[in-house]
Protein backbone atom coordinates (compact mmCIF):
# COMPACT_ATOMS: atom_id res chain seq x y z
CA MET A 1 66.97 194.10 52.92
CA ILE A 2 67.29 191.69 50.14
CA LYS A 3 70.38 193.50 48.60
CA SER A 4 71.93 194.09 51.71
CA LEU A 5 71.53 190.19 52.70
CA GLN A 6 72.77 189.43 49.34
CA ARG A 7 76.10 191.56 49.83
CA PHE A 8 76.59 189.95 52.98
CA LEU A 9 76.46 186.42 51.41
CA GLU A 10 78.75 187.39 48.98
CA ARG A 11 81.22 188.42 51.57
CA LEU A 12 81.04 184.99 52.92
CA GLY A 13 83.08 182.12 51.42
CA PRO A 14 86.24 180.53 52.33
CA GLY A 15 85.48 180.25 56.13
CA LEU A 16 81.74 179.06 55.39
CA ILE A 17 82.94 176.48 52.73
CA THR A 18 85.50 175.09 55.05
CA GLY A 19 83.27 174.71 57.92
CA ALA A 20 80.82 173.13 55.95
CA ALA A 21 83.24 170.51 54.41
CA ASP A 22 84.38 169.90 57.86
CA ASP A 23 81.26 167.79 58.32
CA ASP A 24 82.10 165.20 55.63
CA PRO A 25 80.79 161.66 55.21
CA SER A 26 83.67 160.30 57.64
CA GLY A 27 83.11 163.04 60.29
CA ILE A 28 79.33 162.14 60.28
CA ALA A 29 80.47 158.49 60.98
CA THR A 30 82.58 159.74 63.88
CA TYR A 31 80.03 161.97 65.30
CA SER A 32 77.25 159.37 64.86
CA GLN A 33 79.69 156.63 66.62
CA ALA A 34 79.98 159.18 69.55
CA GLY A 35 76.71 159.49 70.00
CA ALA A 36 75.70 156.05 69.94
CA GLN A 37 78.52 154.66 71.86
CA PHE A 38 78.52 157.24 74.80
CA GLY A 39 75.11 158.91 74.40
CA LEU A 40 75.37 162.67 75.90
CA GLY A 41 78.64 161.93 77.18
CA MET A 42 80.81 163.46 74.40
CA LEU A 43 78.44 166.67 73.46
CA TRP A 44 80.65 168.89 75.56
CA SER A 45 83.66 168.39 73.09
CA VAL A 46 81.69 170.54 70.54
CA PHE A 47 81.36 173.47 72.73
CA LEU A 48 85.02 173.17 73.49
CA THR A 49 86.28 173.08 70.15
CA THR A 50 84.41 175.75 68.57
CA PRO A 51 86.43 178.85 69.60
CA LEU A 52 89.58 176.81 69.43
CA MET A 53 88.70 175.62 65.58
CA VAL A 54 87.75 179.30 65.20
CA GLY A 55 91.34 180.33 66.36
CA ILE A 56 93.41 178.20 64.39
CA GLN A 57 91.14 178.46 60.96
CA VAL A 58 91.61 182.27 61.40
CA VAL A 59 95.24 182.07 61.87
CA SER A 60 95.42 179.94 58.40
CA ALA A 61 92.92 182.16 56.56
CA ARG A 62 95.42 185.26 57.83
CA ILE A 63 98.52 183.62 56.64
CA GLY A 64 96.96 183.13 53.10
CA ARG A 65 95.64 186.59 53.03
CA VAL A 66 98.69 188.38 54.11
CA THR A 67 101.17 186.55 52.33
CA GLY A 68 99.37 185.69 49.07
CA HIS A 69 100.65 182.33 49.41
CA GLY A 70 99.45 179.09 50.85
CA ILE A 71 100.71 177.02 54.12
CA ALA A 72 102.96 174.82 51.81
CA ARG A 73 104.52 177.71 49.67
CA ASN A 74 105.27 179.63 53.20
CA ILE A 75 106.86 176.36 54.64
CA ARG A 76 108.90 176.00 51.39
CA ASP A 77 110.16 179.46 51.64
CA HIS A 78 110.92 179.80 55.47
CA TYR A 79 111.72 176.28 56.70
CA PRO A 80 113.78 173.07 55.98
CA ARG A 81 112.98 170.99 52.93
CA TRP A 82 112.52 167.89 54.94
CA LEU A 83 109.81 169.49 57.02
CA LEU A 84 107.67 170.53 53.89
CA TRP A 85 107.97 167.26 52.52
CA PHE A 86 107.12 165.54 55.78
CA ILE A 87 103.83 167.65 56.26
CA VAL A 88 102.85 167.55 52.74
CA SER A 89 103.44 163.79 52.55
CA ILE A 90 101.28 162.94 55.57
CA LEU A 91 98.78 165.52 54.36
CA LEU A 92 98.61 163.52 50.85
CA VAL A 93 98.29 160.37 52.59
CA ALA A 94 95.53 161.35 55.01
CA ASN A 95 93.46 163.18 52.50
CA THR A 96 93.52 160.13 50.01
CA ILE A 97 92.33 157.73 52.80
CA ASN A 98 89.67 160.54 53.72
CA ILE A 99 88.40 160.67 50.31
CA ALA A 100 88.44 156.80 50.21
CA ALA A 101 86.11 156.94 53.35
CA ASP A 102 83.94 159.75 52.19
CA LEU A 103 83.47 158.19 48.75
CA GLY A 104 82.51 154.76 50.37
CA ALA A 105 79.84 156.28 52.72
CA MET A 106 78.43 158.11 49.89
CA GLY A 107 78.06 155.17 47.87
CA GLU A 108 76.58 153.25 50.67
CA ALA A 109 74.21 155.98 51.23
CA LEU A 110 72.74 156.14 47.75
CA GLN A 111 72.77 152.24 47.77
CA LEU A 112 70.42 152.30 50.75
CA VAL A 113 68.29 154.78 49.12
CA VAL A 114 67.81 153.61 45.44
CA GLY A 115 69.86 150.23 45.46
CA GLY A 116 72.55 149.38 42.97
CA PRO A 117 76.21 148.60 43.41
CA GLN A 118 77.99 150.68 46.40
CA HIS A 119 81.38 150.66 44.85
CA GLY A 120 80.08 151.75 41.55
CA HIS A 121 78.22 154.68 43.11
CA ALA A 122 81.57 155.67 44.87
CA LEU A 123 83.42 155.64 41.61
CA LEU A 124 80.60 157.71 40.02
CA PHE A 125 80.74 160.30 42.93
CA GLY A 126 84.50 160.33 42.70
CA VAL A 127 84.48 160.94 38.69
CA LEU A 128 81.81 163.76 39.18
CA ALA A 129 84.04 165.23 41.86
CA VAL A 130 86.96 165.62 39.30
CA LEU A 131 84.74 166.81 36.60
CA MET A 132 83.53 169.64 38.71
CA GLN A 133 86.86 170.81 39.55
CA ILE A 134 88.44 170.48 36.03
CA PHE A 135 85.59 171.70 33.87
CA ILE A 136 83.73 174.39 35.96
CA PRO A 137 85.69 177.74 36.41
CA TYR A 138 86.22 179.11 39.76
CA ARG A 139 84.03 181.89 39.61
CA TYR A 140 81.36 179.35 39.07
CA LEU A 141 82.74 176.35 41.32
CA ALA A 142 82.88 178.68 44.58
CA PRO A 143 78.94 179.39 44.37
CA ILE A 144 78.07 175.86 44.07
CA LEU A 145 80.27 174.71 46.98
CA LYS A 146 78.29 177.61 48.98
CA TRP A 147 75.04 176.17 48.08
CA LEU A 148 76.15 172.95 49.02
CA THR A 149 76.51 173.93 52.41
CA LEU A 150 72.75 173.93 52.59
CA SER A 151 72.62 170.00 52.60
CA LEU A 152 74.09 170.37 56.49
CA PHE A 153 70.53 171.49 57.38
CA ALA A 154 69.28 167.84 56.72
CA TYR A 155 70.50 166.92 60.16
CA VAL A 156 68.87 169.83 62.14
CA ALA A 157 65.64 168.61 60.32
CA VAL A 158 66.44 165.04 61.39
CA LEU A 159 66.87 166.32 64.91
CA LEU A 160 63.61 168.17 65.04
CA SER A 161 61.86 164.90 64.31
CA VAL A 162 63.05 163.25 67.41
CA HIS A 163 62.32 163.36 70.99
CA ILE A 164 64.95 165.46 73.05
CA PRO A 165 65.41 164.92 76.92
CA TRP A 166 66.08 168.52 77.77
CA MET A 167 67.03 168.04 81.27
CA GLN A 168 69.57 165.20 80.88
CA LEU A 169 71.02 167.33 77.83
CA ILE A 170 71.73 170.38 79.87
CA SER A 171 73.10 168.27 82.87
CA ALA A 172 75.48 166.43 80.40
CA THR A 173 76.56 169.47 78.66
CA LEU A 174 77.36 171.20 81.90
CA LEU A 175 78.87 168.23 83.88
CA PRO A 176 80.43 166.27 80.80
CA PRO A 177 80.79 162.52 82.12
CA VAL A 178 84.09 162.14 80.98
CA GLU A 179 85.60 158.60 80.91
CA LEU A 180 89.21 157.80 80.90
CA THR A 181 89.14 154.72 78.89
CA ARG A 182 90.84 153.67 75.62
CA ASP A 183 87.67 153.52 73.51
CA TYR A 184 86.58 157.05 75.08
CA LEU A 185 89.83 158.97 74.58
CA MET A 186 90.18 157.22 70.99
CA LEU A 187 86.97 158.38 69.62
CA LEU A 188 87.78 161.86 71.60
CA VAL A 189 90.92 161.96 69.45
CA GLY A 190 88.73 161.19 66.35
CA VAL A 191 86.32 163.83 67.07
CA LEU A 192 88.88 166.52 67.50
CA GLY A 193 90.66 165.42 64.27
CA THR A 194 87.31 165.79 62.49
CA THR A 195 86.95 168.99 64.10
CA ILE A 196 90.50 170.24 63.52
CA SER A 197 91.37 168.86 60.36
CA PRO A 198 94.79 169.53 58.58
CA TYR A 199 92.99 169.87 55.18
CA LEU A 200 91.12 172.70 56.35
CA PHE A 201 93.93 174.62 57.31
CA PHE A 202 95.55 174.24 53.87
CA TRP A 203 92.28 174.86 52.06
CA GLN A 204 91.11 177.97 53.93
CA ALA A 205 94.76 179.62 53.52
CA SER A 206 94.57 178.72 49.97
CA GLN A 207 91.09 179.86 49.17
CA GLU A 208 92.04 183.17 50.52
CA VAL A 209 94.78 183.47 48.09
CA GLU A 210 92.22 182.34 45.30
CA GLU A 211 89.82 185.26 46.29
CA GLN A 212 92.42 187.74 46.39
CA ARG A 213 93.86 186.74 42.87
CA ALA A 214 90.25 186.72 41.37
CA THR A 215 89.40 190.00 42.52
CA HIS A 216 91.23 192.97 40.30
CA GLY A 217 93.15 195.42 42.18
CA ASP A 218 93.46 193.09 45.20
CA GLU A 219 97.23 192.30 46.37
CA PRO A 220 98.42 190.36 49.59
CA LEU A 221 98.14 192.61 52.45
CA ARG A 222 101.61 192.46 53.13
CA HIS A 223 102.38 194.30 49.81
CA SER A 224 99.47 196.61 50.07
CA SER A 225 97.67 197.28 53.48
CA ARG A 226 94.97 199.17 51.71
CA GLY A 227 91.54 197.78 53.25
CA ALA A 228 93.37 195.52 55.69
CA ARG A 229 90.98 195.93 58.62
CA SER A 230 88.02 195.33 56.18
CA HIS A 231 89.63 192.15 54.92
CA LEU A 232 90.66 190.80 58.42
CA ASN A 233 87.19 191.41 59.83
CA ARG A 234 85.46 189.67 56.94
CA ILE A 235 88.04 186.65 57.60
CA THR A 236 86.78 186.64 61.30
CA LEU A 237 83.06 186.95 60.47
CA ASP A 238 83.47 184.51 57.80
CA THR A 239 85.06 182.02 59.85
CA TRP A 240 83.13 182.33 63.08
CA LEU A 241 79.97 181.66 60.85
CA GLY A 242 81.43 178.71 59.32
CA MET A 243 82.78 176.95 62.29
CA ILE A 244 79.51 177.75 64.49
CA LEU A 245 77.65 176.09 61.56
CA SER A 246 80.09 173.15 61.40
CA ASN A 247 80.16 172.51 64.85
CA GLY A 248 76.42 173.26 65.38
CA ILE A 249 75.85 170.42 62.90
CA ALA A 250 78.09 168.11 64.64
CA PHE A 251 76.13 168.77 67.87
CA ALA A 252 72.69 167.62 65.95
CA ILE A 253 74.39 164.45 64.65
CA MET A 254 75.88 163.60 68.12
CA LEU A 255 72.60 164.38 69.87
CA THR A 256 70.05 162.65 67.41
CA THR A 257 72.27 159.34 67.65
CA ALA A 258 72.48 159.77 71.20
CA VAL A 259 68.55 159.91 71.97
CA THR A 260 67.72 157.53 69.40
CA LEU A 261 70.49 154.71 68.62
CA HIS A 262 72.36 154.95 71.96
CA ASP A 263 68.81 154.82 73.95
CA ALA A 264 67.66 151.65 71.70
CA GLY A 265 70.87 150.01 72.56
CA ILE A 266 72.59 150.30 69.36
CA THR A 267 76.12 151.40 70.21
CA ASN A 268 78.30 150.35 67.49
CA ILE A 269 77.69 152.60 64.52
CA GLN A 270 81.06 152.79 62.46
CA THR A 271 79.97 154.31 59.10
CA SER A 272 77.25 157.27 58.32
CA GLY A 273 75.41 154.79 56.38
CA GLN A 274 74.87 152.42 59.22
CA ALA A 275 73.67 155.37 61.30
CA ALA A 276 71.13 156.19 58.63
CA GLN A 277 69.76 152.78 58.27
CA ALA A 278 69.76 152.26 62.13
CA LEU A 279 67.70 155.48 62.25
CA LYS A 280 64.88 153.95 59.90
CA PRO A 281 63.01 151.73 62.23
CA ILE A 282 63.49 154.14 65.38
CA ALA A 283 62.67 157.45 63.95
CA GLY A 284 61.00 156.67 60.69
CA ASP A 285 61.60 156.67 56.75
CA PHE A 286 61.95 160.87 57.17
CA ALA A 287 64.66 160.79 59.37
CA PHE A 288 66.56 157.92 57.58
CA GLU A 289 66.12 159.58 53.95
CA LEU A 290 67.51 163.02 55.19
CA PHE A 291 70.53 161.62 57.10
CA ALA A 292 71.31 159.94 53.85
CA ALA A 293 70.66 162.58 51.64
CA GLY A 294 72.83 164.73 53.98
CA ILE A 295 75.57 162.22 53.48
CA ILE A 296 75.55 162.73 49.82
CA GLY A 297 75.42 166.36 49.89
CA THR A 298 78.34 166.88 52.27
CA GLY A 299 80.43 164.52 50.53
CA LEU A 300 80.00 166.24 47.24
CA LEU A 301 81.16 169.41 48.99
CA ALA A 302 84.17 167.83 51.13
CA ILE A 303 85.83 165.55 48.15
CA PRO A 304 86.61 168.91 46.27
CA VAL A 305 87.95 170.26 49.63
CA LEU A 306 90.04 167.12 50.36
CA ALA A 307 91.52 166.61 46.94
CA GLY A 308 91.95 170.42 46.51
CA SER A 309 93.76 171.04 49.65
CA ALA A 310 96.09 168.20 48.72
CA ALA A 311 96.72 169.70 45.23
CA TYR A 312 97.51 173.10 46.66
CA ALA A 313 100.37 171.59 49.17
CA VAL A 314 101.84 169.29 46.43
CA ALA A 315 101.81 171.97 43.61
CA GLU A 316 103.34 174.75 46.15
CA ALA A 317 105.86 172.14 47.25
CA MET A 318 106.90 171.65 43.68
CA GLN A 319 106.65 175.23 42.49
CA TRP A 320 103.93 174.25 39.76
CA PRO A 321 101.23 176.74 38.94
CA ILE A 322 98.53 176.43 41.24
CA GLY A 323 94.68 177.10 41.44
CA HIS A 324 91.28 176.70 40.56
CA GLY A 325 91.53 179.90 38.62
CA LEU A 326 93.76 178.61 36.01
CA GLU A 327 92.66 176.55 33.31
CA PRO A 328 93.63 172.67 33.46
CA LEU A 329 96.37 173.09 30.55
CA GLU A 330 97.95 175.98 32.69
CA ALA A 331 98.24 174.03 36.15
CA LYS A 332 98.58 170.35 34.64
CA GLY A 333 100.34 169.27 37.93
CA PHE A 334 97.64 170.76 40.27
CA TYR A 335 94.88 169.15 38.42
CA SER A 336 96.72 165.76 38.24
CA ILE A 337 97.14 165.67 42.14
CA ILE A 338 93.19 166.44 42.35
CA THR A 339 92.46 163.65 39.87
CA LEU A 340 95.05 161.18 41.27
CA ALA A 341 93.88 161.83 44.91
CA THR A 342 90.10 161.22 44.17
CA LEU A 343 90.42 158.46 41.81
CA LEU A 344 92.96 156.56 44.13
CA GLY A 345 90.70 157.20 47.13
CA ALA A 346 87.87 155.63 44.72
CA SER A 347 89.94 152.79 43.93
CA ILE A 348 90.53 152.01 47.50
CA ASP A 349 87.00 151.23 47.90
CA PHE A 350 87.37 148.19 45.52
CA THR A 351 90.19 146.69 47.43
CA SER A 352 89.97 144.40 50.74
CA ILE A 353 90.69 147.51 53.02
CA ASP A 354 88.07 147.77 55.40
CA PRO A 355 86.08 151.12 54.53
CA ILE A 356 84.38 150.78 58.15
CA ARG A 357 87.79 151.08 59.78
CA ALA A 358 89.01 153.61 57.22
CA LEU A 359 86.19 156.03 58.52
CA ILE A 360 87.38 156.08 62.05
CA TRP A 361 91.04 155.67 61.39
CA SER A 362 91.05 158.63 59.00
CA ALA A 363 89.69 160.82 61.60
CA VAL A 364 92.17 159.77 64.32
CA LEU A 365 95.01 159.95 61.68
CA ASN A 366 93.83 163.64 61.22
CA GLY A 367 94.15 164.12 64.89
CA VAL A 368 97.52 162.79 64.97
CA ILE A 369 99.35 164.86 62.05
CA ALA A 370 97.23 167.88 63.00
CA VAL A 371 99.85 168.61 65.80
CA PRO A 372 103.11 169.21 63.88
CA ILE A 373 101.04 171.24 61.33
CA MET A 374 99.55 173.45 63.85
CA VAL A 375 102.98 174.01 65.76
CA VAL A 376 104.65 175.26 62.19
CA MET A 377 101.43 177.67 61.51
CA MET A 378 101.63 178.99 65.02
CA ARG A 379 105.33 179.84 64.54
CA MET A 380 104.78 181.27 61.38
CA ALA A 381 101.96 183.42 62.35
CA VAL A 382 104.31 185.56 64.81
CA ARG A 383 107.09 185.94 62.41
CA PRO A 384 107.50 189.51 60.96
CA ASP A 385 109.65 188.24 58.13
CA ILE A 386 106.54 186.20 57.08
CA MET A 387 103.57 188.26 58.14
CA GLY A 388 105.07 191.93 58.12
CA PRO A 389 102.79 194.21 60.53
CA PHE A 390 100.04 191.57 60.38
CA VAL A 391 101.59 189.01 62.85
CA ILE A 392 98.68 187.73 65.03
CA ARG A 393 98.05 189.53 68.41
CA ARG A 394 97.88 188.00 71.83
CA ARG A 395 94.34 186.80 72.09
CA LEU A 396 94.55 184.91 68.70
CA HIS A 397 97.93 183.78 69.48
CA ARG A 398 96.85 182.31 72.82
CA LEU A 399 93.75 180.85 71.43
CA GLY A 400 95.71 178.90 68.54
CA TRP A 401 98.20 177.73 71.12
CA ILE A 402 95.45 176.45 73.43
CA ALA A 403 93.98 174.48 70.26
CA THR A 404 97.48 172.94 69.52
CA THR A 405 97.87 171.77 73.17
CA LEU A 406 94.46 170.26 73.36
CA MET A 407 95.06 168.20 70.15
CA ALA A 408 98.80 167.16 71.37
CA VAL A 409 97.31 166.05 74.87
CA ALA A 410 94.45 164.10 73.49
CA VAL A 411 96.90 162.14 71.10
CA VAL A 412 99.21 161.37 73.86
CA ALA A 413 96.49 160.38 76.26
CA MET A 414 95.40 158.05 73.36
CA ILE A 415 98.79 156.33 72.71
CA ALA A 416 99.15 156.02 76.56
CA THR A 417 95.87 154.24 77.00
CA THR A 418 96.60 152.16 73.91
CA ALA A 419 100.13 151.23 75.39
CA TRP A 420 98.13 149.94 78.47
C-alpha cells in the first residue's frame, strides 16, 4: 500500500505544483476580498472555473509534452515575431508585478507574526527564492515544490475552526446572487485572472518538457509515441488533482472570509495580510497564525513558478539555453531572468507604488492578458504541423474555447461597466 501510494505521488508533478502555485498570496488577497465584500455571493465562480481551468491547463501541458518545447518556443516557430514579443513582454510585466505583490504580502505576513521590517522580510524572501532556483538542482527542487503544496491545507484548517451556515451556503452556491455592478464584475475578473493565469500555462508546459528531458530515454511524443497513452493519462490525472486542490483552497478562503469578515461588517480587505489580521479578533489566534503561515508557504511555492515561467518564455524567445536542469553557467540568460524578475519585484516594494493596489490589479491584469494567450494556445493545439497525431479532440477543444470565451466576456463586461 505504501509503495503504491509512493509511486502514485511520484507520478504527480507539473499539474499538482501548477495548481498549488495558483493560490499565491495575491490570489489569497483576491479570494479574501471576494468573501469579505460579497459574502457567499461569489463562491459559484469556483465551481464554474474548475473544469475550464483543467481544460486549458491540460492543453498547455500537452503542447509541452507532445512538442518537447514550451509555449514561447512554439509561438516563435509557428507565428509572427510581433505576436511572440507581445505575449512575452506582457507576461514578463504581469509576472514581475505579481512577484512584487506576493513578496509584499509575504513580508507583511511575517511582520504580523514576528515583527520587524516588512520590506526587509520581502527582500529576504526574494533572495531565498532566487537561491533556491539557482543552487538547488532540479531533481531536488521539484520535490521541494511538491512538499510546499502542503502549506495550502492551512486554509482548510482555518475553515474547520469557524462556524459555517450550511443552508445559506447551499442556497448561494446553487442560486448565485450575481450583481451586475462595476465592483462585482471587476472582482470577478480578478478571481478569474487569479484562477486562470497566463504564467500557469507557460510553467506547466515547460515543466512537462523538463520532466521529459530529465527522464532517460524519453522523447517528445511527436517524435516517439511510445507510452503516449500513459503520458497523456498521467497529464490529465495530475492536472485534475492540481486544479481541484487549487480551487478547493480558493473556496475555503472565500468561505472563511465570508462567514467571518463579511458577517462582521469588514468588507474591504485588499491584502492577504489584512485578511489574516482581521481574522484574529473574530476567529482567534489559531486562525490568524495559520492564515499567515499559509501566505508565506504558498509564496515560497509561487515565486519560483512566477519567475520561472517568465524565464522560460524569454529564454525560448531569445533562443537561449533553458531549464532548471542546466547549471547556472550553462543557462546564464535563463537564470538572469529569474534573478531580475524576482529582485525587481522585491525592489518595487521599496517604492511609492501601493502594494495594496498591486495585489488586486495584478490579478485583473492577468485576466486581461490571458485572453490573447489562450486564443493562441487553442489555435496551436489543433494544428497537425505542431501537434502531429496528438491534436486535441472535440471535448478538450470545446472546454478550452469555453474557458477562453468566459475570460473574454468577463473582461469586456468589466471594461463596459468601467466606461459607464
